[in-house]
Amino acid sequence: MAKNGHTIHFISSAPPVKLDRFAENIFFHEVGVSAYPLFENSMYELNLTNKIVDVCKHERLDLLHVHYAIPHATAAYLAQRILE
């Protein structure tokens, strides 16, 4: 898609291994993974939801493609509800 002129935004805790960081129309948005003493697991899903909302608002995305139902599709659904 990027080679066809579309602007691509990756939203993840780490950049994809094969990401060409030197392309003008490909961007990476890092999701911070923080430890919170009250919970045993990181709050990645909530951080991911927040980052999706932020990127959607500022970049005016037309399409969001996510892999893995949990946590990515869940975070995308929550972001969609927030953006309504």
N, C-alpha and C. Protein backbone atom coordinates (compact mmCIF):
# COMPACT_ATOMS: atom_id res chain seq x y z
N MET A 1 0.82 -1.18 0.00
CA MET A 1 0.00 0.00 0.00
C MET A 1 0.87 1.26 0.00
N ALA A 2 1.94 1.24 0.77
CA ALA A 2 2.83 2.40 0.82
C ALA A 2 3.45 2.67 -0.55
N LYS A 3 3.79 1.61 -1.26
CA LYS A 3 4.38 1.78 -2.60
C LYS A 3 3.39 2.38 -3.58
N ASN A 4 2.10 2.25 -3.27
CA ASN A 4 1.05 2.82 -4.13
C ASN A 4 0.66 4.23 -3.69
N GLY A 5 1.41 4.80 -2.74
CA GLY A 5 1.19 6.18 -2.35
C GLY A 5 0.35 6.39 -1.10
N HIS A 6 -0.13 5.31 -0.48
CA HIS A 6 -0.91 5.44 0.74
C HIS A 6 0.01 5.73 1.92
N THR A 7 -0.50 6.46 2.89
CA THR A 7 0.23 6.71 4.12
C THR A 7 -0.11 5.61 5.11
N ILE A 8 0.90 5.00 5.70
CA ILE A 8 0.73 3.85 6.59
C ILE A 8 1.21 4.24 7.99
N HIS A 9 0.41 3.87 9.00
CA HIS A 9 0.77 4.12 10.39
C HIS A 9 0.75 2.79 11.14
N PHE A 10 1.89 2.40 11.71
CA PHE A 10 1.97 1.21 12.56
C PHE A 10 1.82 1.67 14.01
N ILE A 11 0.94 1.00 14.76
CA ILE A 11 0.74 1.31 16.17
C ILE A 11 1.03 0.03 16.94
N SER A 12 2.14 0.01 17.70
CA SER A 12 2.57 -1.20 18.37
C SER A 12 3.59 -0.87 19.45
N SER A 13 3.90 -1.87 20.28
CA SER A 13 4.91 -1.67 21.32
C SER A 13 6.33 -1.68 20.76
N ALA A 14 6.50 -2.25 19.58
CA ALA A 14 7.81 -2.29 18.92
C ALA A 14 7.59 -2.24 17.42
N PRO A 15 8.52 -1.65 16.68
CA PRO A 15 8.36 -1.59 15.23
C PRO A 15 8.41 -2.97 14.60
N PRO A 16 7.64 -3.19 13.53
CA PRO A 16 7.73 -4.47 12.82
C PRO A 16 9.16 -4.68 12.33
N VAL A 17 9.59 -5.92 12.33
CA VAL A 17 10.97 -6.26 11.97
C VAL A 17 11.32 -5.78 10.57
N LYS A 18 10.40 -5.91 9.64
CA LYS A 18 10.69 -5.57 8.24
C LYS A 18 10.24 -4.16 7.87
N LEU A 19 9.99 -3.32 8.86
CA LEU A 19 9.54 -1.95 8.59
C LEU A 19 10.65 -1.14 7.94
N ASP A 20 10.34 -0.56 6.78
CA ASP A 20 11.29 0.31 6.10
C ASP A 20 11.15 1.71 6.70
N ARG A 21 12.00 2.03 7.66
CA ARG A 21 11.88 3.29 8.39
C ARG A 21 12.24 4.51 7.54
N PHE A 22 12.75 4.32 6.35
CA PHE A 22 13.17 5.45 5.54
C PHE A 22 12.15 5.85 4.48
N ALA A 23 11.00 5.21 4.47
CA ALA A 23 9.97 5.59 3.52
C ALA A 23 9.23 6.82 4.05
N GLU A 24 8.94 7.76 3.16
CA GLU A 24 8.29 9.01 3.55
C GLU A 24 6.89 8.80 4.12
N ASN A 25 6.19 7.81 3.63
CA ASN A 25 4.77 7.67 3.97
C ASN A 25 4.50 6.51 4.94
N ILE A 26 5.51 6.06 5.67
CA ILE A 26 5.33 5.01 6.68
C ILE A 26 5.75 5.58 8.03
N PHE A 27 4.84 5.47 9.01
CA PHE A 27 5.09 6.02 10.33
C PHE A 27 4.88 4.95 11.39
N PHE A 28 5.64 5.05 12.47
CA PHE A 28 5.51 4.13 13.59
C PHE A 28 5.14 4.92 14.84
N HIS A 29 4.10 4.46 15.54
CA HIS A 29 3.64 5.08 16.79
C HIS A 29 3.81 4.05 17.90
N GLU A 30 4.71 4.34 18.82
CA GLU A 30 5.01 3.39 19.89
C GLU A 30 3.98 3.45 21.00
N VAL A 31 3.53 2.27 21.43
CA VAL A 31 2.63 2.15 22.57
C VAL A 31 3.49 1.88 23.78
N GLY A 32 3.44 2.78 24.74
CA GLY A 32 4.23 2.60 25.96
C GLY A 32 3.69 1.45 26.80
N VAL A 33 4.58 0.65 27.31
CA VAL A 33 4.21 -0.45 28.20
C VAL A 33 4.77 -0.10 29.57
N SER A 34 3.86 0.20 30.48
CA SER A 34 4.31 0.62 31.81
C SER A 34 3.86 -0.37 32.87
N ALA A 35 4.64 -0.45 33.90
CA ALA A 35 4.28 -1.32 35.03
C ALA A 35 3.42 -0.51 35.99
N TYR A 36 2.39 -1.13 36.48
CA TYR A 36 1.50 -0.50 37.45
C TYR A 36 1.43 -1.44 38.64
N PRO A 37 1.83 -1.00 39.82
CA PRO A 37 1.99 -1.92 40.94
C PRO A 37 0.72 -2.65 41.37
N LEU A 38 -0.45 -2.08 41.08
CA LEU A 38 -1.69 -2.71 41.51
C LEU A 38 -2.03 -3.95 40.69
N PHE A 39 -1.59 -3.97 39.42
CA PHE A 39 -1.91 -5.07 38.52
C PHE A 39 -0.67 -5.89 38.22
N GLU A 40 -0.84 -7.21 38.12
CA GLU A 40 0.30 -8.09 37.81
C GLU A 40 0.76 -7.93 36.37
N ASN A 41 -0.17 -7.74 35.44
CA ASN A 41 0.16 -7.60 34.03
C ASN A 41 0.19 -6.13 33.64
N SER A 42 0.91 -5.82 32.58
CA SER A 42 0.97 -4.44 32.10
C SER A 42 -0.41 -4.02 31.60
N MET A 43 -0.61 -2.74 31.46
CA MET A 43 -1.89 -2.22 30.99
C MET A 43 -1.80 -1.93 29.49
N TYR A 44 -1.21 -2.85 28.75
CA TYR A 44 -0.97 -2.65 27.32
C TYR A 44 -2.26 -2.39 26.56
N GLU A 45 -3.32 -3.13 26.85
CA GLU A 45 -4.56 -2.97 26.09
C GLU A 45 -5.13 -1.55 26.23
N LEU A 46 -5.10 -1.00 27.44
CA LEU A 46 -5.59 0.36 27.65
C LEU A 46 -4.65 1.38 27.01
N ASN A 47 -3.35 1.16 27.11
CA ASN A 47 -2.39 2.05 26.46
C ASN A 47 -2.55 2.01 24.94
N LEU A 48 -2.78 0.81 24.40
CA LEU A 48 -2.99 0.65 22.96
C LEU A 48 -4.27 1.37 22.53
N THR A 49 -5.34 1.23 23.29
CA THR A 49 -6.59 1.93 22.98
C THR A 49 -6.36 3.43 22.93
N ASN A 50 -5.67 3.94 23.92
CA ASN A 50 -5.39 5.37 23.99
C ASN A 50 -4.57 5.83 22.79
N LYS A 51 -3.57 5.04 22.41
CA LYS A 51 -2.71 5.41 21.27
C LYS A 51 -3.51 5.37 19.96
N ILE A 52 -4.40 4.38 19.80
CA ILE A 52 -5.23 4.31 18.59
C ILE A 52 -6.12 5.54 18.50
N VAL A 53 -6.74 5.93 19.62
CA VAL A 53 -7.59 7.12 19.63
C VAL A 53 -6.77 8.34 19.24
N ASP A 54 -5.60 8.49 19.83
CA ASP A 54 -4.73 9.63 19.56
C ASP A 54 -4.33 9.69 18.08
N VAL A 55 -3.89 8.58 17.53
CA VAL A 55 -3.45 8.56 16.12
C VAL A 55 -4.65 8.81 15.20
N CYS A 56 -5.79 8.21 15.50
CA CYS A 56 -6.98 8.43 14.66
C CYS A 56 -7.39 9.90 14.65
N LYS A 57 -7.33 10.54 15.80
CA LYS A 57 -7.70 11.96 15.87
C LYS A 57 -6.72 12.85 15.11
N HIS A 58 -5.43 12.59 15.28
CA HIS A 58 -4.43 13.49 14.70
C HIS A 58 -4.08 13.18 13.25
N GLU A 59 -4.24 11.94 12.84
CA GLU A 59 -3.84 11.55 11.48
C GLU A 59 -5.04 11.34 10.56
N ARG A 60 -6.24 11.40 11.11
CA ARG A 60 -7.48 11.25 10.34
C ARG A 60 -7.45 9.98 9.47
N LEU A 61 -7.26 8.85 10.12
CA LEU A 61 -7.16 7.57 9.43
C LEU A 61 -8.46 7.18 8.75
N ASP A 62 -8.37 6.56 7.59
CA ASP A 62 -9.53 6.07 6.86
C ASP A 62 -9.81 4.60 7.19
N LEU A 63 -8.77 3.88 7.56
CA LEU A 63 -8.88 2.44 7.76
C LEU A 63 -7.96 2.01 8.88
N LEU A 64 -8.45 1.09 9.71
CA LEU A 64 -7.63 0.53 10.78
C LEU A 64 -7.65 -0.98 10.64
N HIS A 65 -6.48 -1.57 10.45
CA HIS A 65 -6.35 -3.02 10.29
C HIS A 65 -5.60 -3.55 11.50
N VAL A 66 -6.19 -4.49 12.22
CA VAL A 66 -5.55 -5.02 13.42
C VAL A 66 -5.41 -6.53 13.34
N HIS A 67 -4.36 -7.04 13.98
CA HIS A 67 -4.14 -8.48 14.08
C HIS A 67 -4.39 -8.92 15.51
N TYR A 68 -4.80 -10.12 15.67
CA TYR A 68 -5.03 -10.74 16.97
C TYR A 68 -6.23 -10.11 17.67
N ALA A 69 -7.21 -10.94 17.97
CA ALA A 69 -8.43 -10.46 18.62
C ALA A 69 -8.13 -9.81 19.96
N ILE A 70 -7.26 -10.45 20.73
CA ILE A 70 -6.91 -9.90 22.03
C ILE A 70 -5.41 -9.66 22.03
N PRO A 71 -4.94 -8.49 22.25
CA PRO A 71 -5.65 -7.30 22.68
C PRO A 71 -6.00 -6.33 21.55
N HIS A 72 -5.49 -6.54 20.34
CA HIS A 72 -5.58 -5.52 19.29
C HIS A 72 -7.00 -5.23 18.81
N ALA A 73 -7.77 -6.25 18.49
CA ALA A 73 -9.15 -6.00 18.03
C ALA A 73 -9.99 -5.42 19.15
N THR A 74 -9.76 -5.87 20.36
CA THR A 74 -10.49 -5.32 21.51
C THR A 74 -10.15 -3.84 21.69
N ALA A 75 -8.89 -3.50 21.60
CA ALA A 75 -8.46 -2.11 21.73
C ALA A 75 -9.04 -1.26 20.59
N ALA A 76 -9.06 -1.80 19.38
CA ALA A 76 -9.64 -1.07 18.25
C ALA A 76 -11.13 -0.84 18.46
N TYR A 77 -11.83 -1.84 18.97
CA TYR A 77 -13.26 -1.68 19.25
C TYR A 77 -13.48 -0.60 20.32
N LEU A 78 -12.70 -0.64 21.39
CA LEU A 78 -12.83 0.38 22.43
C LEU A 78 -12.54 1.77 21.88
N ALA A 79 -11.51 1.87 21.05
CA ALA A 79 -11.16 3.16 20.43
C ALA A 79 -12.31 3.66 19.55
N GLN A 80 -12.91 2.75 18.80
CA GLN A 80 -14.04 3.12 17.95
C GLN A 80 -15.18 3.69 18.79
N ARG A 81 -15.45 3.04 19.90
CA ARG A 81 -16.54 3.50 20.79
C ARG A 81 -16.19 4.89 21.37
N ILE A 82 -14.95 5.10 21.74
CA ILE A 82 -14.54 6.39 22.29
C ILE A 82 -14.66 7.48 21.24
N LEU A 83 -14.31 7.17 20.00
CA LEU A 83 -14.32 8.16 18.92
C LEU A 83 -15.72 8.48 18.40
N GLU A 84 -16.70 7.67 18.80
CA GLU A 84 -18.09 7.95 18.35
C GLU A 84 -18.51 9.24 18.93
